[in-house]
Structure formats: structure tokens, C-alpha cells
């Protein structure tokens, strides 16, 4: 049983692959000036790129946990999410309001996918 870790730092790995499953660390947007919709789009773009790097794709996502800083942004985030998953099988999903590591982070995504 092998475990492959990609993009590791002293704290975490961007990607962990094990037994045909891909685990991504929490993805956040890169610009604090973006609103929830743009931060969500940027997070989803990062997820797609990491899944591709891991030999997977968004249509193989098994589950996603979405953390949003303020539940008032739930509807705006869902507009972007719904468009992104419109043409793929829908993964299991949870969305929770959470305190973020920095106040400018409005959304963070954690993803598990098949390889």
C-alpha cells in the first residue's frame, strides 16, 4: 500500500494519493479583494488544476466540504458552484460557516476524488 504526497511542505501536502483516491488540501483564492463569487471561481479553478495534476478530474469528485466565512454568502457561492457542477455527476457535499485563518478568506474547499 503506497501513499504518494505531492507539493509537501513542513505543514501539509497539496495532494495525497492513496489506493486510487485523491485528497486535496483546503483551497483558497489568491486575492483578498475578490468577492465570494470570484473567490469561489478561483478555488474551483485550483481544484481542477490539482485534480489534473493528480491524474483525476472534476467528474470524479466524490465529496467536497465547503467552508464559508459568513453564511450570508451561501447563495452567491452556490450560483458559482451550481454552474461548475452543472454538467458532471454531483459529489456529496457539505457547506459550513467557519472562522477562517485570515479574515479576507471568504471560502475554502476541501476535496476527495477518485483517481
Protein backbone atom coordinates (compact mmCIF):
# COMPACT_ATOMS: atom_id res chain seq x y z
CA UNK A 1 0.00 0.00 0.00
CA UNK A 2 1.68 3.17 -1.15
CA UNK A 3 0.89 6.76 -0.30
CA UNK A 4 2.08 9.49 -2.67
CA UNK A 5 2.34 13.05 -1.38
CA UNK A 6 2.69 15.90 -3.86
CA UNK A 7 3.57 19.50 -3.06
CA UNK A 8 4.52 18.81 0.53
CA UNK A 9 5.65 21.49 2.95
CA UNK A 10 6.52 21.31 6.62
CA UNK A 11 2.79 21.63 7.34
CA UNK A 12 0.84 19.75 4.65
CA UNK A 13 0.70 18.26 1.18
CA UNK A 14 -1.31 19.84 -1.64
CA UNK A 15 -2.24 16.39 -2.92
CA UNK A 16 -2.23 12.97 -1.28
CA UNK A 17 -2.93 9.87 -3.39
CA UNK A 18 -3.73 6.53 -1.80
CA UNK A 19 -5.45 3.41 -3.06
CA UNK A 20 -6.99 5.15 -6.10
CA UNK A 21 -8.26 8.11 -4.08
CA UNK A 22 -7.06 11.72 -4.32
CA UNK A 23 -7.22 14.07 -1.34
CA UNK A 24 -6.70 17.80 -1.79
CA UNK A 25 -5.81 20.22 0.97
CA UNK A 26 -8.08 23.20 1.52
CA UNK A 27 -8.04 25.55 -1.46
CA UNK A 28 -8.47 29.29 -1.05
CA UNK A 29 -8.43 32.19 -3.50
CA UNK A 30 -5.36 34.31 -4.07
CA UNK A 31 -6.75 37.84 -3.82
CA UNK A 32 -8.42 39.35 -0.77
CA UNK A 33 -10.19 41.98 -2.91
CA UNK A 34 -12.39 39.42 -4.68
CA UNK A 35 -15.98 38.86 -3.58
CA UNK A 36 -17.35 35.44 -2.63
CA UNK A 37 -18.27 34.59 -6.23
CA UNK A 38 -14.80 35.30 -7.61
CA UNK A 39 -13.08 33.61 -4.68
CA UNK A 40 -15.25 30.54 -5.31
CA UNK A 41 -14.37 30.56 -9.04
CA UNK A 42 -10.66 30.81 -8.21
CA UNK A 43 -10.87 27.98 -5.67
CA UNK A 44 -12.65 25.75 -8.19
CA UNK A 45 -10.01 26.53 -10.83
CA UNK A 46 -7.30 25.50 -8.35
CA UNK A 47 -9.21 22.29 -7.57
CA UNK A 48 -9.42 21.46 -11.28
CA UNK A 49 -5.69 22.05 -11.79
CA UNK A 50 -4.74 19.93 -8.77
CA UNK A 51 -7.05 17.11 -9.81
CA UNK A 52 -5.48 17.12 -13.27
CA UNK A 53 -2.01 17.04 -11.71
CA UNK A 54 -3.13 14.05 -9.63
CA UNK A 55 -4.46 12.17 -12.67
CA UNK A 56 -8.11 12.82 -11.87
CA UNK A 57 -10.80 15.31 -12.90
CA UNK A 58 -13.79 17.16 -11.52
CA UNK A 59 -16.23 14.49 -12.78
CA UNK A 60 -14.51 12.05 -10.38
CA UNK A 61 -15.05 14.14 -7.24
CA UNK A 62 -16.52 12.00 -4.50
CA UNK A 63 -17.02 14.64 -1.84
CA UNK A 64 -16.44 18.32 -1.23
CA UNK A 65 -16.52 20.27 2.00
CA UNK A 66 -17.04 23.99 1.54
CA UNK A 67 -16.20 26.39 4.34
CA UNK A 68 -17.58 29.93 4.06
CA UNK A 69 -16.74 32.78 6.37
CA UNK A 70 -20.28 34.14 6.50
CA UNK A 71 -23.43 32.13 5.80
CA UNK A 72 -24.94 35.23 4.16
CA UNK A 73 -22.66 34.39 1.19
CA UNK A 74 -24.19 30.91 0.80
CA UNK A 75 -26.48 31.81 -2.13
CA UNK A 76 -23.80 33.72 -4.07
CA UNK A 77 -21.32 30.87 -3.61
CA UNK A 78 -23.95 28.36 -4.76
CA UNK A 79 -24.52 30.24 -8.03
CA UNK A 80 -20.87 29.61 -8.94
CA UNK A 81 -20.84 26.06 -7.56
CA UNK A 82 -24.04 25.07 -9.39
CA UNK A 83 -22.64 26.29 -12.72
CA UNK A 84 -19.39 24.39 -12.11
CA UNK A 85 -21.12 21.06 -11.38
CA UNK A 86 -23.93 21.52 -13.93
CA UNK A 87 -22.51 19.03 -16.45
CA UNK A 88 -20.84 16.49 -14.13
CA UNK A 89 -22.06 13.85 -11.68
CA UNK A 90 -22.79 15.60 -8.40
CA UNK A 91 -20.46 14.79 -5.49
CA UNK A 92 -21.51 14.50 -1.88
CA UNK A 93 -21.21 17.98 -0.41
CA UNK A 94 -21.27 19.78 2.91
CA UNK A 95 -21.12 23.52 3.45
CA UNK A 96 -20.46 25.09 6.82
CA UNK A 97 -19.83 28.56 8.17
CA UNK A 98 -16.33 28.68 9.63
CA UNK A 99 -13.83 31.11 11.04
CA UNK A 100 -11.00 31.38 8.53
CA UNK A 101 -7.26 31.61 9.09
CA UNK A 102 -7.36 35.18 7.77
CA UNK A 103 -10.42 37.47 7.63
CA UNK A 104 -10.07 38.15 3.90
CA UNK A 105 -10.60 34.47 3.07
CA UNK A 106 -14.28 34.09 2.25
CA UNK A 107 -14.34 30.46 1.07
CA UNK A 108 -12.20 27.32 1.30
CA UNK A 109 -12.76 23.96 -0.39
CA UNK A 110 -11.55 20.52 0.59
CA UNK A 111 -11.99 17.76 -1.99
CA UNK A 112 -11.77 13.97 -2.19
CA UNK A 113 -11.86 12.35 -5.65
CA UNK A 114 -11.33 9.02 -7.37
CA UNK A 115 -8.18 8.82 -9.45
